């Protein structure tokens, strides 16, 4: 169990490292969702009549 605790603490820097990893993971998971949403909006037919001749 001591090795797990030392891994979590990371020599005193764990409080900075783990939130950074968590934020990076969250952003990497959200980015594809945002890109799919943006692509769907770009490919969707316009409902306001813009672009018609």
C-alpha atoms as a PDB file:
ATOM      1  CA  UNK A   1       0.000   0.000   0.000  1.00  0.00           C
ATOM      2  CA  UNK A   2       2.958   2.303   0.592  1.00  0.00           C
ATOM      3  CA  UNK A   3       3.869   2.242  -3.082  1.00  0.00           C
ATOM      4  CA  UNK A   4       0.324   3.287  -4.040  1.00  0.00           C
ATOM      5  CA  UNK A   5       0.441   6.135  -1.566  1.00  0.00           C
ATOM      6  CA  UNK A   6       3.800   7.312  -2.888  1.00  0.00           C
ATOM      7  CA  UNK A   7       2.434   7.126  -6.426  1.00  0.00           C
ATOM      8  CA  UNK A   8      -0.529   9.297  -5.467  1.00  0.00           C
ATOM      9  CA  UNK A   9       1.641  11.792  -3.577  1.00  0.00           C
ATOM     10  CA  UNK A  10       4.321  11.962  -6.309  1.00  0.00           C
ATOM     11  CA  UNK A  11       6.909  13.361  -3.968  1.00  0.00           C
ATOM     12  CA  UNK A  12       4.645  16.179  -2.806  1.00  0.00           C
ATOM     13  CA  UNK A  13       3.610  17.256  -6.301  1.00  0.00           C
ATOM     14  CA  UNK A  14       0.551  15.003  -6.535  1.00  0.00           C
ATOM     15  CA  UNK A  15      -1.840  17.829  -5.669  1.00  0.00           C
ATOM     16  CA  UNK A  16      -0.706  19.623  -8.832  1.00  0.00           C
ATOM     17  CA  UNK A  17      -0.128  16.685 -11.169  1.00  0.00           C
ATOM     18  CA  UNK A  18      -3.373  14.715 -10.697  1.00  0.00           C
ATOM     19  CA  UNK A  19      -5.735  17.667 -11.307  1.00  0.00           C
ATOM     20  CA  UNK A  20      -3.738  18.495 -14.434  1.00  0.00           C
ATOM     21  CA  UNK A  21      -4.140  14.913 -15.655  1.00  0.00           C
ATOM     22  CA  UNK A  22      -7.845  15.021 -14.815  1.00  0.00           C
ATOM     23  CA  UNK A  23      -8.414  18.280 -16.664  1.00  0.00           C
ATOM     24  CA  UNK A  24      -6.491  17.029 -19.685  1.00  0.00           C
ATOM     25  CA  UNK A  25      -8.521  13.820 -19.760  1.00  0.00           C
ATOM     26  CA  UNK A  26     -11.794  15.736 -19.446  1.00  0.00           C
ATOM     27  CA  UNK A  27     -10.852  18.057 -22.310  1.00  0.00           C
ATOM     28  CA  UNK A  28      -9.804  15.136 -24.513  1.00  0.00           C
ATOM     29  CA  UNK A  29     -13.184  13.499 -23.884  1.00  0.00           C
ATOM     30  CA  UNK A  30     -15.204  16.679 -24.513  1.00  0.00           C
ATOM     31  CA  UNK A  31     -13.387  17.759 -27.684  1.00  0.00           C
ATOM     32  CA  UNK A  32     -14.690  14.974 -29.998  1.00  0.00           C
ATOM     33  CA  UNK A  33     -18.231  15.619 -28.755  1.00  0.00           C
ATOM     34  CA  UNK A  34     -17.905  19.340 -29.533  1.00  0.00           C
ATOM     35  CA  UNK A  35     -16.460  18.588 -32.965  1.00  0.00           C
ATOM     36  CA  UNK A  36     -19.312  16.200 -33.826  1.00  0.00           C
ATOM     37  CA  UNK A  37     -21.841  18.787 -32.693  1.00  0.00           C
ATOM     38  CA  UNK A  38     -20.198  21.480 -34.797  1.00  0.00           C
ATOM     39  CA  UNK A  39     -20.043  19.206 -37.846  1.00  0.00           C
ATOM     40  CA  UNK A  40     -23.724  18.289 -37.471  1.00  0.00           C
ATOM     41  CA  UNK A  41     -24.652  21.966 -37.340  1.00  0.00           C
ATOM     42  CA  UNK A  42     -22.547  22.713 -40.410  1.00  0.00           C
ATOM     43  CA  UNK A  43     -24.103  19.867 -42.415  1.00  0.00           C
ATOM     44  CA  UNK A  44     -27.686  20.427 -41.272  1.00  0.00           C
ATOM     45  CA  UNK A  45     -30.008  22.128 -43.735  1.00  0.00           C
ATOM     46  CA  UNK A  46     -30.662  25.751 -42.904  1.00  0.00           C
ATOM     47  CA  UNK A  47     -34.107  26.365 -41.408  1.00  0.00           C
ATOM     48  CA  UNK A  48     -34.134  30.174 -41.700  1.00  0.00           C
ATOM     49  CA  UNK A  49     -34.110  30.249 -45.506  1.00  0.00           C
ATOM     50  CA  UNK A  50     -30.621  31.694 -45.839  1.00  0.00           C
ATOM     51  CA  UNK A  51     -28.669  30.590 -48.843  1.00  0.00           C
ATOM     52  CA  UNK A  52     -31.705  30.188 -51.085  1.00  0.00           C
ATOM     53  CA  UNK A  53     -31.836  32.111 -54.329  1.00  0.00           C
END
